[in-house]
Amino acid sequence: MDIGNILMAVLVFGVMVCVYIFLYLMNKKTPKPEGCEDLRADCSGCKDFACANHPSHHE
């Protein structure tokens, strides 16, 4: 193996990790859209039991 290929792979992986962390932090700072602040209060259940907002999870 060529050392240049290994360094390039490590560099690309490092850039991808940095982009992921940056986008994650920016997403955390983004405010929720108007009307979506508390979805649990208005959810009446839609037969999707895997949904975290389904009322059966709060009984």
C-alpha atoms as a PDB file:
ATOM      1  CA  MET A   1       0.000   0.000   0.000  1.00  0.00           C
ATOM      2  CA  ASP A   2       1.078   3.493  -0.713  1.00  0.00           C
ATOM      3  CA  ILE A   3       1.323   5.802   2.323  1.00  0.00           C
ATOM      4  CA  GLY A   4      -0.296   8.571   0.254  1.00  0.00           C
ATOM      5  CA  ASN A   5      -3.488   6.535  -0.175  1.00  0.00           C
ATOM      6  CA  ILE A   6      -3.678   5.859   3.550  1.00  0.00           C
ATOM      7  CA  LEU A   7      -3.186   9.522   4.417  1.00  0.00           C
ATOM      8  CA  MET A   8      -5.798  10.549   1.860  1.00  0.00           C
ATOM      9  CA  ALA A   9      -8.304   8.083   3.346  1.00  0.00           C
ATOM     10  CA  VAL A  10      -7.651   9.377   6.875  1.00  0.00           C
ATOM     11  CA  LEU A  11      -8.008  12.966   5.663  1.00  0.00           C
ATOM     12  CA  VAL A  12     -11.304  12.268   3.873  1.00  0.00           C
ATOM     13  CA  PHE A  13     -12.653  10.446   6.937  1.00  0.00           C
ATOM     14  CA  GLY A  14     -11.588  13.325   9.202  1.00  0.00           C
ATOM     15  CA  VAL A  15     -13.291  15.883   6.957  1.00  0.00           C
ATOM     16  CA  MET A  16     -16.506  13.820   6.956  1.00  0.00           C
ATOM     17  CA  VAL A  17     -16.468  13.612  10.765  1.00  0.00           C
ATOM     18  CA  CYS A  18     -15.897  17.367  11.056  1.00  0.00           C
ATOM     19  CA  VAL A  19     -18.749  18.131   8.641  1.00  0.00           C
ATOM     20  CA  TYR A  20     -21.056  15.789  10.584  1.00  0.00           C
ATOM     21  CA  ILE A  21     -20.215  17.439  13.913  1.00  0.00           C
ATOM     22  CA  PHE A  22     -20.651  20.926  12.439  1.00  0.00           C
ATOM     23  CA  LEU A  23     -24.053  20.087  10.913  1.00  0.00           C
ATOM     24  CA  TYR A  24     -25.201  18.371  14.115  1.00  0.00           C
ATOM     25  CA  LEU A  25     -24.361  21.430  16.205  1.00  0.00           C
ATOM     26  CA  MET A  26     -26.026  23.792  13.715  1.00  0.00           C
ATOM     27  CA  ASN A  27     -29.162  21.635  13.749  1.00  0.00           C
ATOM     28  CA  LYS A  28     -29.284  21.773  17.562  1.00  0.00           C
ATOM     29  CA  LYS A  29     -29.203  25.596  17.422  1.00  0.00           C
ATOM     30  CA  THR A  30     -32.029  25.809  14.876  1.00  0.00           C
ATOM     31  CA  PRO A  31     -35.353  26.715  16.514  1.00  0.00           C
ATOM     32  CA  LYS A  32     -38.353  24.498  15.897  1.00  0.00           C
ATOM     33  CA  PRO A  33     -40.815  25.814  13.302  1.00  0.00           C
ATOM     34  CA  GLU A  34     -43.877  27.644  14.533  1.00  0.00           C
ATOM     35  CA  GLY A  35     -46.609  25.167  15.447  1.00  0.00           C
ATOM     36  CA  CYS A  36     -44.208  22.256  15.997  1.00  0.00           C
ATOM     37  CA  GLU A  37     -43.001  23.132  19.477  1.00  0.00           C
ATOM     38  CA  ASP A  38     -45.021  20.415  21.260  1.00  0.00           C
ATOM     39  CA  LEU A  39     -46.283  17.673  18.962  1.00  0.00           C
ATOM     40  CA  ARG A  40     -47.307  15.332  21.788  1.00  0.00           C
ATOM     41  CA  ALA A  41     -50.136  17.593  22.930  1.00  0.00           C
ATOM     42  CA  ASP A  42     -51.957  17.440  19.576  1.00  0.00           C
ATOM     43  CA  CYS A  43     -51.191  13.840  18.585  1.00  0.00           C
ATOM     44  CA  SER A  44     -54.240  11.593  18.661  1.00  0.00           C
ATOM     45  CA  GLY A  45     -52.472   8.457  17.415  1.00  0.00           C
ATOM     46  CA  CYS A  46     -52.150   7.243  13.846  1.00  0.00           C
ATOM     47  CA  LYS A  47     -51.662   3.451  14.192  1.00  0.00           C
ATOM     48  CA  ASP A  48     -47.873   3.813  13.930  1.00  0.00           C
ATOM     49  CA  PHE A  49     -46.889   2.254  17.238  1.00  0.00           C
ATOM     50  CA  ALA A  50     -43.175   2.872  16.548  1.00  0.00           C
ATOM     51  CA  CYS A  51     -43.718   6.642  16.630  1.00  0.00           C
ATOM     52  CA  ALA A  52     -42.455   8.237  19.848  1.00  0.00           C
ATOM     53  CA  ASN A  53     -45.468  10.605  19.839  1.00  0.00           C
ATOM     54  CA  HIS A  54     -48.028   7.748  19.882  1.00  0.00           C
ATOM     55  CA  PRO A  55     -50.258   8.019  22.984  1.00  0.00           C
ATOM     56  CA  SER A  56     -49.637   4.375  23.944  1.00  0.00           C
ATOM     57  CA  HIS A  57     -46.061   5.309  24.889  1.00  0.00           C
ATOM     58  CA  HIS A  58     -47.301   7.723  27.539  1.00  0.00           C
ATOM     59  CA  GLU A  59     -49.697   5.447  29.430  1.00  0.00           C
END
